[in-house]
Amino acid sequence: MNMAVIKTKNKQAIDELQAKLILRLGRKISQQETLDLCILNATNNFEDILQLASTIPKLSPEKAERIIKKFEAYADSYYNPEEKFDSSIDNDIYSL
């Protein structure tokens, strides 16, 4: 079996769902099984997932321009592992 690391902002929600399933089923259910059931449910209810996904904010042209300008400002900079940057840009990019 291949194992994948999946990062989610909803770790607590997955834990709570897993706990509810364990209580109702009366047996242990793994997080992998919980996620598999969620994927199966999402596949069977694709229109609902599509509707939910369409409400997620997109990267606006203004935010994109701001990110590009900051990138260009550091384009000729040397890598400095001690440097700290505002993580809001990462959030904008990786939450797309």
PDB file of N, CA and C in Angstrom:
ATOM      1  N   MET A   1       0.847  -1.169   0.000  1.00  0.00           N
ATOM      2  CA  MET A   1       0.000   0.000   0.000  1.00  0.00           C
ATOM      3  C   MET A   1       0.897   1.239   0.000  1.00  0.00           C
ATOM      4  N   ASN A   2       0.602   2.190  -0.862  1.00  0.00           N
ATOM      5  CA  ASN A   2       1.329   3.453  -0.894  1.00  0.00           C
ATOM      6  C   ASN A   2       0.753   4.397   0.141  1.00  0.00           C
ATOM      7  N   MET A   3       1.631   5.034   0.882  1.00  0.00           N
ATOM      8  CA  MET A   3       1.189   5.995   1.884  1.00  0.00           C
ATOM      9  C   MET A   3       1.472   7.394   1.363  1.00  0.00           C
ATOM     10  N   ALA A   4       0.519   8.264   1.515  1.00  0.00           N
ATOM     11  CA  ALA A   4       0.679   9.643   1.091  1.00  0.00           C
ATOM     12  C   ALA A   4       0.451  10.548   2.290  1.00  0.00           C
ATOM     13  N   VAL A   5       1.190  11.625   2.309  1.00  0.00           N
ATOM     14  CA  VAL A   5       0.988  12.619   3.347  1.00  0.00           C
ATOM     15  C   VAL A   5       0.072  13.686   2.760  1.00  0.00           C
ATOM     16  N   ILE A   6      -1.026  13.906   3.424  1.00  0.00           N
ATOM     17  CA  ILE A   6      -1.987  14.897   2.965  1.00  0.00           C
ATOM     18  C   ILE A   6      -2.116  15.953   4.045  1.00  0.00           C
ATOM     19  N   LYS A   7      -1.876  17.193   3.662  1.00  0.00           N
ATOM     20  CA  LYS A   7      -2.024  18.287   4.616  1.00  0.00           C
ATOM     21  C   LYS A   7      -3.427  18.851   4.472  1.00  0.00           C
ATOM     22  N   THR A   8      -4.053  19.123   5.583  1.00  0.00           N
ATOM     23  CA  THR A   8      -5.395  19.674   5.561  1.00  0.00           C
ATOM     24  C   THR A   8      -5.559  20.696   6.671  1.00  0.00           C
ATOM     25  N   LYS A   9      -6.400  21.641   6.416  1.00  0.00           N
ATOM     26  CA  LYS A   9      -6.741  22.628   7.441  1.00  0.00           C
ATOM     27  C   LYS A   9      -7.811  22.067   8.369  1.00  0.00           C
ATOM     28  N   ASN A  10      -8.381  20.923   8.001  1.00  0.00           N
ATOM     29  CA  ASN A  10      -9.516  20.360   8.725  1.00  0.00           C
ATOM     30  C   ASN A  10      -9.160  19.103   9.505  1.00  0.00           C
ATOM     31  N   LYS A  11      -7.950  19.049  10.038  1.00  0.00           N
ATOM     32  CA  LYS A  11      -7.520  17.871  10.803  1.00  0.00           C
ATOM     33  C   LYS A  11      -8.469  17.592  11.966  1.00  0.00           C
ATOM     34  N   GLN A  12      -8.868  18.625  12.665  1.00  0.00           N
ATOM     35  CA  GLN A  12      -9.769  18.434  13.801  1.00  0.00           C
ATOM     36  C   GLN A  12     -11.114  17.881  13.333  1.00  0.00           C
ATOM     37  N   ALA A  13     -11.610  18.345  12.201  1.00  0.00           N
ATOM     38  CA  ALA A  13     -12.885  17.852  11.684  1.00  0.00           C
ATOM     39  C   ALA A  13     -12.782  16.372  11.306  1.00  0.00           C
ATOM     40  N   ILE A  14     -11.647  15.969  10.744  1.00  0.00           N
ATOM     41  CA  ILE A  14     -11.447  14.561  10.409  1.00  0.00           C
ATOM     42  C   ILE A  14     -11.413  13.719  11.683  1.00  0.00           C
ATOM     43  N   ASP A  15     -10.695  14.213  12.686  1.00  0.00           N
ATOM     44  CA  ASP A  15     -10.638  13.493  13.974  1.00  0.00           C
ATOM     45  C   ASP A  15     -12.026  13.344  14.585  1.00  0.00           C
ATOM     46  N   GLU A  16     -12.815  14.420  14.535  1.00  0.00           N
ATOM     47  CA  GLU A  16     -14.165  14.371  15.110  1.00  0.00           C
ATOM     48  C   GLU A  16     -15.060  13.424  14.323  1.00  0.00           C
ATOM     49  N   LEU A  17     -14.954  13.449  13.011  1.00  0.00           N
ATOM     50  CA  LEU A  17     -15.751  12.542  12.186  1.00  0.00           C
ATOM     51  C   LEU A  17     -15.365  11.092  12.461  1.00  0.00           C
ATOM     52  N   GLN A  18     -14.078  10.842  12.572  1.00  0.00           N
ATOM     53  CA  GLN A  18     -13.598   9.497  12.887  1.00  0.00           C
ATOM     54  C   GLN A  18     -14.156   9.041  14.238  1.00  0.00           C
ATOM     55  N   ALA A  19     -14.128   9.907  15.227  1.00  0.00           N
ATOM     56  CA  ALA A  19     -14.642   9.565  16.560  1.00  0.00           C
ATOM     57  C   ALA A  19     -16.138   9.256  16.506  1.00  0.00           C
ATOM     58  N   LYS A  20     -16.902  10.055  15.769  1.00  0.00           N
ATOM     59  CA  LYS A  20     -18.349   9.797  15.642  1.00  0.00           C
ATOM     60  C   LYS A  20     -18.607   8.452  14.970  1.00  0.00           C
ATOM     61  N   LEU A  21     -17.814   8.154  13.934  1.00  0.00           N
ATOM     62  CA  LEU A  21     -17.981   6.876  13.244  1.00  0.00           C
ATOM     63  C   LEU A  21     -17.669   5.707  14.188  1.00  0.00           C
ATOM     64  N   ILE A  22     -16.613   5.842  14.974  1.00  0.00           N
ATOM     65  CA  ILE A  22     -16.246   4.788  15.920  1.00  0.00           C
ATOM     66  C   ILE A  22     -17.373   4.557  16.925  1.00  0.00           C
ATOM     67  N   LEU A  23     -17.933   5.656  17.441  1.00  0.00           N
ATOM     68  CA  LEU A  23     -19.034   5.529  18.404  1.00  0.00           C
ATOM     69  C   LEU A  23     -20.252   4.857  17.786  1.00  0.00           C
ATOM     70  N   ARG A  24     -20.610   5.282  16.576  1.00  0.00           N
ATOM     71  CA  ARG A  24     -21.821   4.737  15.944  1.00  0.00           C
ATOM     72  C   ARG A  24     -21.625   3.315  15.435  1.00  0.00           C
ATOM     73  N   LEU A  25     -20.433   3.019  14.918  1.00  0.00           N
ATOM     74  CA  LEU A  25     -20.178   1.683  14.382  1.00  0.00           C
ATOM     75  C   LEU A  25     -19.855   0.677  15.478  1.00  0.00           C
ATOM     76  N   GLY A  26     -19.338   1.170  16.594  1.00  0.00           N
ATOM     77  CA  GLY A  26     -18.950   0.276  17.675  1.00  0.00           C
ATOM     78  C   GLY A  26     -17.655  -0.466  17.393  1.00  0.00           C
ATOM     79  N   ARG A  27     -16.875   0.045  16.467  1.00  0.00           N
ATOM     80  CA  ARG A  27     -15.578  -0.562  16.144  1.00  0.00           C
ATOM     81  C   ARG A  27     -14.617   0.525  15.696  1.00  0.00           C
ATOM     82  N   LYS A  28     -13.338   0.209  15.739  1.00  0.00           N
ATOM     83  CA  LYS A  28     -12.299   1.148  15.324  1.00  0.00           C
ATOM     84  C   LYS A  28     -12.361   1.352  13.813  1.00  0.00           C
ATOM     85  N   ILE A  29     -12.231   2.584  13.407  1.00  0.00           N
ATOM     86  CA  ILE A  29     -12.133   2.908  11.990  1.00  0.00           C
ATOM     87  C   ILE A  29     -10.952   3.868  11.846  1.00  0.00           C
ATOM     88  N   SER A  30     -10.085   3.587  10.907  1.00  0.00           N
ATOM     89  CA  SER A  30      -8.874   4.394  10.754  1.00  0.00           C
ATOM     90  C   SER A  30      -9.190   5.710  10.046  1.00  0.00           C
ATOM     91  N   GLN A  31      -8.235   6.636  10.144  1.00  0.00           N
ATOM     92  CA  GLN A  31      -8.399   7.900   9.409  1.00  0.00           C
ATOM     93  C   GLN A  31      -8.418   7.639   7.915  1.00  0.00           C
ATOM     94  N   GLN A  32      -7.628   6.664   7.461  1.00  0.00           N
ATOM     95  CA  GLN A  32      -7.621   6.333   6.032  1.00  0.00           C
ATOM     96  C   GLN A  32      -9.007   5.871   5.587  1.00  0.00           C
ATOM     97  N   GLU A  33      -9.634   4.997   6.389  1.00  0.00           N
ATOM     98  CA  GLU A  33     -10.987   4.539   6.063  1.00  0.00           C
ATOM     99  C   GLU A  33     -11.969   5.711   6.087  1.00  0.00           C
ATOM    100  N   THR A  34     -11.800   6.595   7.062  1.00  0.00           N
ATOM    101  CA  THR A  34     -12.667   7.774   7.168  1.00  0.00           C
ATOM    102  C   THR A  34     -12.543   8.636   5.926  1.00  0.00           C
ATOM    103  N   LEU A  35     -11.310   8.899   5.513  1.00  0.00           N
ATOM    104  CA  LEU A  35     -11.093   9.700   4.297  1.00  0.00           C
ATOM    105  C   LEU A  35     -11.607   8.988   3.054  1.00  0.00           C
ATOM    106  N   ASP A  36     -11.416   7.661   2.982  1.00  0.00           N
ATOM    107  CA  ASP A  36     -11.935   6.898   1.847  1.00  0.00           C
ATOM    108  C   ASP A  36     -13.452   7.012   1.749  1.00  0.00           C
ATOM    109  N   LEU A  37     -14.125   6.949   2.903  1.00  0.00           N
ATOM    110  CA  LEU A  37     -15.582   7.092   2.917  1.00  0.00           C
ATOM    111  C   LEU A  37     -15.997   8.499   2.473  1.00  0.00           C
ATOM    112  N   CYS A  38     -15.235   9.489   2.899  1.00  0.00           N
ATOM    113  CA  CYS A  38     -15.521  10.870   2.482  1.00  0.00           C
ATOM    114  C   CYS A  38     -15.370  11.023   0.975  1.00  0.00           C
ATOM    115  N   ILE A  39     -14.327  10.400   0.419  1.00  0.00           N
ATOM    116  CA  ILE A  39     -14.103  10.473  -1.032  1.00  0.00           C
ATOM    117  C   ILE A  39     -15.219   9.749  -1.775  1.00  0.00           C
ATOM    118  N   LEU A  40     -15.617   8.600  -1.272  1.00  0.00           N
ATOM    119  CA  LEU A  40     -16.723   7.863  -1.893  1.00  0.00           C
ATOM    120  C   LEU A  40     -17.997   8.700  -1.861  1.00  0.00           C
ATOM    121  N   ASN A  41     -18.267   9.313  -0.720  1.00  0.00           N
ATOM    122  CA  ASN A  41     -19.446  10.168  -0.598  1.00  0.00           C
ATOM    123  C   ASN A  41     -19.369  11.361  -1.551  1.00  0.00           C
ATOM    124  N   ALA A  42     -18.201  11.962  -1.640  1.00  0.00           N
ATOM    125  CA  ALA A  42     -18.022  13.109  -2.537  1.00  0.00           C
ATOM    126  C   ALA A  42     -18.207  12.695  -3.996  1.00  0.00           C
ATOM    127  N   THR A  43     -17.708  11.518  -4.337  1.00  0.00           N
ATOM    128  CA  THR A  43     -17.859  11.021  -5.704  1.00  0.00           C
ATOM    129  C   THR A  43     -19.329  10.782  -6.030  1.00  0.00           C
ATOM    130  N   ASN A  44     -20.056  10.236  -5.070  1.00  0.00           N
ATOM    131  CA  ASN A  44     -21.478   9.959  -5.279  1.00  0.00           C
ATOM    132  C   ASN A  44     -22.340  11.216  -5.237  1.00  0.00           C
ATOM    133  N   ASN A  45     -21.807  12.279  -4.682  1.00  0.00           N
ATOM    134  CA  ASN A  45     -22.544  13.541  -4.568  1.00  0.00           C
ATOM    135  C   ASN A  45     -21.739  14.676  -5.188  1.00  0.00           C
ATOM    136  N   PHE A  46     -21.291  14.447  -6.411  1.00  0.00           N
ATOM    137  CA  PHE A  46     -20.384  15.372  -7.079  1.00  0.00           C
ATOM    138  C   PHE A  46     -20.952  16.779  -7.200  1.00  0.00           C
ATOM    139  N   GLU A  47     -22.217  16.906  -7.490  1.00  0.00           N
ATOM    140  CA  GLU A  47     -22.814  18.240  -7.658  1.00  0.00           C
ATOM    141  C   GLU A  47     -22.720  19.054  -6.361  1.00  0.00           C
ATOM    142  N   ASP A  48     -22.892  18.380  -5.225  1.00  0.00           N
ATOM    143  CA  ASP A  48     -22.743  19.069  -3.944  1.00  0.00           C
ATOM    144  C   ASP A  48     -21.306  19.555  -3.746  1.00  0.00           C
ATOM    145  N   ILE A  49     -20.347  18.708  -4.110  1.00  0.00           N
ATOM    146  CA  ILE A  49     -18.932  19.079  -3.984  1.00  0.00           C
ATOM    147  C   ILE A  49     -18.611  20.234  -4.931  1.00  0.00           C
ATOM    148  N   LEU A  50     -19.141  20.176  -6.125  1.00  0.00           N
ATOM    149  CA  LEU A  50     -18.929  21.250  -7.096  1.00  0.00           C
ATOM    150  C   LEU A  50     -19.477  22.570  -6.563  1.00  0.00           C
ATOM    151  N   GLN A  51     -20.632  22.527  -5.958  1.00  0.00           N
ATOM    152  CA  GLN A  51     -21.225  23.737  -5.385  1.00  0.00           C
ATOM    153  C   GLN A  51     -20.362  24.281  -4.248  1.00  0.00           C
ATOM    154  N   LEU A  52     -19.890  23.403  -3.377  1.00  0.00           N
ATOM    155  CA  LEU A  52     -19.008  23.832  -2.291  1.00  0.00           C
ATOM    156  C   LEU A  52     -17.710  24.433  -2.835  1.00  0.00           C
ATOM    157  N   ALA A  53     -17.131  23.786  -3.818  1.00  0.00           N
ATOM    158  CA  ALA A  53     -15.860  24.252  -4.386  1.00  0.00           C
ATOM    159  C   ALA A  53     -16.011  25.604  -5.069  1.00  0.00           C
ATOM    160  N   SER A  54     -17.165  25.880  -5.608  1.00  0.00           N
ATOM    161  CA  SER A  54     -17.360  27.144  -6.322  1.00  0.00           C
ATOM    162  C   SER A  54     -17.461  28.331  -5.373  1.00  0.00           C
ATOM    163  N   THR A  55     -17.619  28.061  -4.080  1.00  0.00           N
ATOM    164  CA  THR A  55     -17.691  29.163  -3.115  1.00  0.00           C
ATOM    165  C   THR A  55     -16.327  29.506  -2.526  1.00  0.00           C
ATOM    166  N   ILE A  56     -15.299  28.716  -2.854  1.00  0.00           N
ATOM    167  CA  ILE A  56     -13.950  28.977  -2.354  1.00  0.00           C
ATOM    168  C   ILE A  56     -13.386  30.173  -3.117  1.00  0.00           C
ATOM    169  N   PRO A  57     -12.872  31.169  -2.399  1.00  0.00           N
ATOM    170  CA  PRO A  57     -12.375  32.363  -3.079  1.00  0.00           C
ATOM    171  C   PRO A  57     -11.198  32.053  -4.004  1.00  0.00           C
ATOM    172  N   LYS A  58     -11.190  32.748  -5.123  1.00  0.00           N
ATOM    173  CA  LYS A  58     -10.114  32.605  -6.091  1.00  0.00           C
ATOM    174  C   LYS A  58      -9.094  33.705  -5.855  1.00  0.00           C
ATOM    175  N   LEU A  59      -7.945  33.516  -6.422  1.00  0.00           N
ATOM    176  CA  LEU A  59      -6.913  34.541  -6.346  1.00  0.00           C
ATOM    177  C   LEU A  59      -7.328  35.679  -7.266  1.00  0.00           C
ATOM    178  N   SER A  60      -7.551  36.833  -6.689  1.00  0.00           N
ATOM    179  CA  SER A  60      -7.971  37.987  -7.481  1.00  0.00           C
ATOM    180  C   SER A  60      -6.792  38.508  -8.294  1.00  0.00           C
ATOM    181  N   PRO A  61      -7.059  39.204  -9.379  1.00  0.00           N
ATOM    182  CA  PRO A  61      -5.965  39.798 -10.161  1.00  0.00           C
ATOM    183  C   PRO A  61      -5.109  40.746  -9.326  1.00  0.00           C
ATOM    184  N   GLU A  62      -5.735  41.437  -8.376  1.00  0.00           N
ATOM    185  CA  GLU A  62      -4.983  42.362  -7.523  1.00  0.00           C
ATOM    186  C   GLU A  62      -3.995  41.612  -6.631  1.00  0.00           C
ATOM    187  N   LYS A  63      -4.469  40.515  -6.024  1.00  0.00           N
ATOM    188  CA  LYS A  63      -3.576  39.721  -5.186  1.00  0.00           C
ATOM    189  C   LYS A  63      -2.464  39.109  -6.023  1.00  0.00           C
ATOM    190  N   ALA A  64      -2.801  38.631  -7.193  1.00  0.00           N
ATOM    191  CA  ALA A  64      -1.791  38.042  -8.080  1.00  0.00           C
ATOM    192  C   ALA A  64      -0.730  39.071  -8.420  1.00  0.00           C
ATOM    193  N   GLU A  65      -1.135  40.267  -8.748  1.00  0.00           N
ATOM    194  CA  GLU A  65      -0.190  41.343  -9.079  1.00  0.00           C
ATOM    195  C   GLU A  65       0.702  41.667  -7.881  1.00  0.00           C
ATOM    196  N   ARG A  66       0.129  41.705  -6.697  1.00  0.00           N
ATOM    197  CA  ARG A  66       0.899  41.991  -5.490  1.00  0.00           C
ATOM    198  C   ARG A  66       1.941  40.896  -5.238  1.00  0.00           C
ATOM    199  N   ILE A  67       1.564  39.650  -5.454  1.00  0.00           N
ATOM    200  CA  ILE A  67       2.482  38.527  -5.275  1.00  0.00           C
ATOM    201  C   ILE A  67       3.616  38.599  -6.301  1.00  0.00           C
ATOM    202  N   ILE A  68       3.272  38.878  -7.526  1.00  0.00           N
ATOM    203  CA  ILE A  68       4.278  38.976  -8.588  1.00  0.00           C
ATOM    204  C   ILE A  68       5.261  40.103  -8.297  1.00  0.00           C
ATOM    205  N   LYS A  69       4.762  41.246  -7.851  1.00  0.00           N
ATOM    206  CA  LYS A  69       5.643  42.374  -7.539  1.00  0.00           C
ATOM    207  C   LYS A  69       6.598  42.031  -6.404  1.00  0.00           C
ATOM    208  N   LYS A  70       6.104  41.350  -5.366  1.00  0.00           N
ATOM    209  CA  LYS A  70       6.985  40.963  -4.261  1.00  0.00           C
ATOM    210  C   LYS A  70       8.024  39.960  -4.736  1.00  0.00           C
ATOM    211  N   PHE A  71       7.614  39.035  -5.587  1.00  0.00           N
ATOM    212  CA  PHE A  71       8.555  38.061  -6.137  1.00  0.00           C
ATOM    213  C   PHE A  71       9.639  38.774  -6.938  1.00  0.00           C
ATOM    214  N   GLU A  72       9.231  39.700  -7.790  1.00  0.00           N
ATOM    215  CA  GLU A  72      10.193  40.430  -8.615  1.00  0.00           C
ATOM    216  C   GLU A  72      11.143  41.265  -7.760  1.00  0.00           C
ATOM    217  N   ALA A  73      10.657  41.786  -6.640  1.00  0.00           N
ATOM    218  CA  ALA A  73      11.505  42.590  -5.762  1.00  0.00           C
ATOM    219  C   ALA A  73      12.632  41.750  -5.159  1.00  0.00           C
ATOM    220  N   TYR A  74      12.407  40.460  -4.985  1.00  0.00           N
ATOM    221  CA  TYR A  74      13.418  39.578  -4.396  1.00  0.00           C
ATOM    222  C   TYR A  74      14.114  38.702  -5.437  1.00  0.00           C
ATOM    223  N   ALA A  75      13.854  38.927  -6.709  1.00  0.00           N
ATOM    224  CA  ALA A  75      14.372  38.050  -7.764  1.00  0.00           C
ATOM    225  C   ALA A  75      15.895  37.980  -7.774  1.00  0.00           C
ATOM    226  N   ASP A  76      16.567  39.059  -7.479  1.00  0.00           N
ATOM    227  CA  ASP A  76      18.032  39.077  -7.512  1.00  0.00           C
ATOM    228  C   ASP A  76      18.659  38.870  -6.139  1.00  0.00           C
ATOM    229  N   SER A  77      17.877  38.521  -5.157  1.00  0.00           N
ATOM    230  CA  SER A  77      18.380  38.321  -3.803  1.00  0.00           C
ATOM    231  C   SER A  77      18.982  36.929  -3.655  1.00  0.00           C
ATOM    232  N   TYR A  78      19.993  36.849  -2.814  1.00  0.00           N
ATOM    233  CA  TYR A  78      20.573  35.558  -2.488  1.00  0.00           C
ATOM    234  C   TYR A  78      19.713  34.885  -1.433  1.00  0.00           C
ATOM    235  N   TYR A  79      19.729  33.559  -1.442  1.00  0.00           N
ATOM    236  CA  TYR A  79      18.960  32.802  -0.460  1.00  0.00           C
ATOM    237  C   TYR A  79      19.553  33.012   0.926  1.00  0.00           C
ATOM    238  N   ASN A  80      18.693  33.349   1.866  1.00  0.00           N
ATOM    239  CA  ASN A  80      19.118  33.533   3.251  1.00  0.00           C
ATOM    240  C   ASN A  80      18.146  32.752   4.136  1.00  0.00           C
ATOM    241  N   PRO A  81      18.584  31.622   4.685  1.00  0.00           N
ATOM    242  CA  PRO A  81      17.672  30.798   5.494  1.00  0.00           C
ATOM    243  C   PRO A  81      17.202  31.487   6.767  1.00  0.00           C
ATOM    244  N   GLU A  82      17.883  32.554   7.167  1.00  0.00           N
ATOM    245  CA  GLU A  82      17.501  33.282   8.374  1.00  0.00           C
ATOM    246  C   GLU A  82      16.408  34.319   8.101  1.00  0.00           C
ATOM    247  N   GLU A  83      16.193  34.636   6.843  1.00  0.00           N
ATOM    248  CA  GLU A  83      15.229  35.671   6.470  1.00  0.00           C
ATOM    249  C   GLU A  83      13.808  35.190   6.756  1.00  0.00           C
ATOM    250  N   LYS A  84      12.986  36.066   7.289  1.00  0.00           N
ATOM    251  CA  LYS A  84      11.584  35.753   7.565  1.00  0.00           C
ATOM    252  C   LYS A  84      10.710  36.576   6.628  1.00  0.00           C
ATOM    253  N   PHE A  85       9.714  35.945   6.065  1.00  0.00           N
ATOM    254  CA  PHE A  85       8.811  36.604   5.129  1.00  0.00           C
ATOM    255  C   PHE A  85       7.379  36.484   5.627  1.00  0.00           C
ATOM    256  N   ASP A  86       6.560  37.381   5.174  1.00  0.00           N
ATOM    257  CA  ASP A  86       5.142  37.362   5.489  1.00  0.00           C
ATOM    258  C   ASP A  86       4.517  36.122   4.868  1.00  0.00           C
ATOM    259  N   SER A  87       3.883  35.292   5.665  1.00  0.00           N
ATOM    260  CA  SER A  87       3.318  34.045   5.155  1.00  0.00           C
ATOM    261  C   SER A  87       1.957  34.226   4.500  1.00  0.00           C
ATOM    262  N   SER A  88       1.414  35.438   4.493  1.00  0.00           N
ATOM    263  CA  SER A  88       0.095  35.624   3.876  1.00  0.00           C
ATOM    264  C   SER A  88       0.148  35.334   2.379  1.00  0.00           C
ATOM    265  N   ILE A  89       1.288  35.590   1.745  1.00  0.00           N
ATOM    266  CA  ILE A  89       1.414  35.268   0.325  1.00  0.00           C
ATOM    267  C   ILE A  89       1.352  33.761   0.131  1.00  0.00           C
ATOM    268  N   ASP A  90       2.059  33.018   0.986  1.00  0.00           N
ATOM    269  CA  ASP A  90       1.984  31.555   0.901  1.00  0.00           C
ATOM    270  C   ASP A  90       0.543  31.092   1.060  1.00  0.00           C
ATOM    271  N   ASN A  91      -0.163  31.684   2.014  1.00  0.00           N
ATOM    272  CA  ASN A  91      -1.557  31.310   2.218  1.00  0.00           C
ATOM    273  C   ASN A  91      -2.381  31.597   0.969  1.00  0.00           C
ATOM    274  N   ASP A  92      -2.140  32.739   0.333  1.00  0.00           N
ATOM    275  CA  ASP A  92      -2.871  33.082  -0.887  1.00  0.00           C
ATOM    276  C   ASP A  92      -2.592  32.071  -2.001  1.00  0.00           C
ATOM    277  N   ILE A  93      -1.328  31.696  -2.130  1.00  0.00           N
ATOM    278  CA  ILE A  93      -0.948  30.785  -3.218  1.00  0.00           C
ATOM    279  C   ILE A  93      -1.412  29.366  -2.958  1.00  0.00           C
ATOM    280  N   TYR A  94      -1.109  28.847  -1.764  1.00  0.00           N
ATOM    281  CA  TYR A  94      -1.367  27.447  -1.490  1.00  0.00           C
ATOM    282  C   TYR A  94      -2.787  27.129  -1.105  1.00  0.00           C
ATOM    283  N   SER A  95      -3.590  28.141  -0.881  1.00  0.00           N
ATOM    284  CA  SER A  95      -4.996  27.882  -0.547  1.00  0.00           C
ATOM    285  C   SER A  95      -5.887  27.966  -1.784  1.00  0.00           C
ATOM    286  N   LEU A  96      -5.272  28.066  -2.944  1.00  0.00           N
ATOM    287  CA  LEU A  96      -6.069  28.125  -4.184  1.00  0.00           C
ATOM    288  C   LEU A  96      -6.697  26.795  -4.499  1.00  0.00           C
TER     289      LEU A  96
END
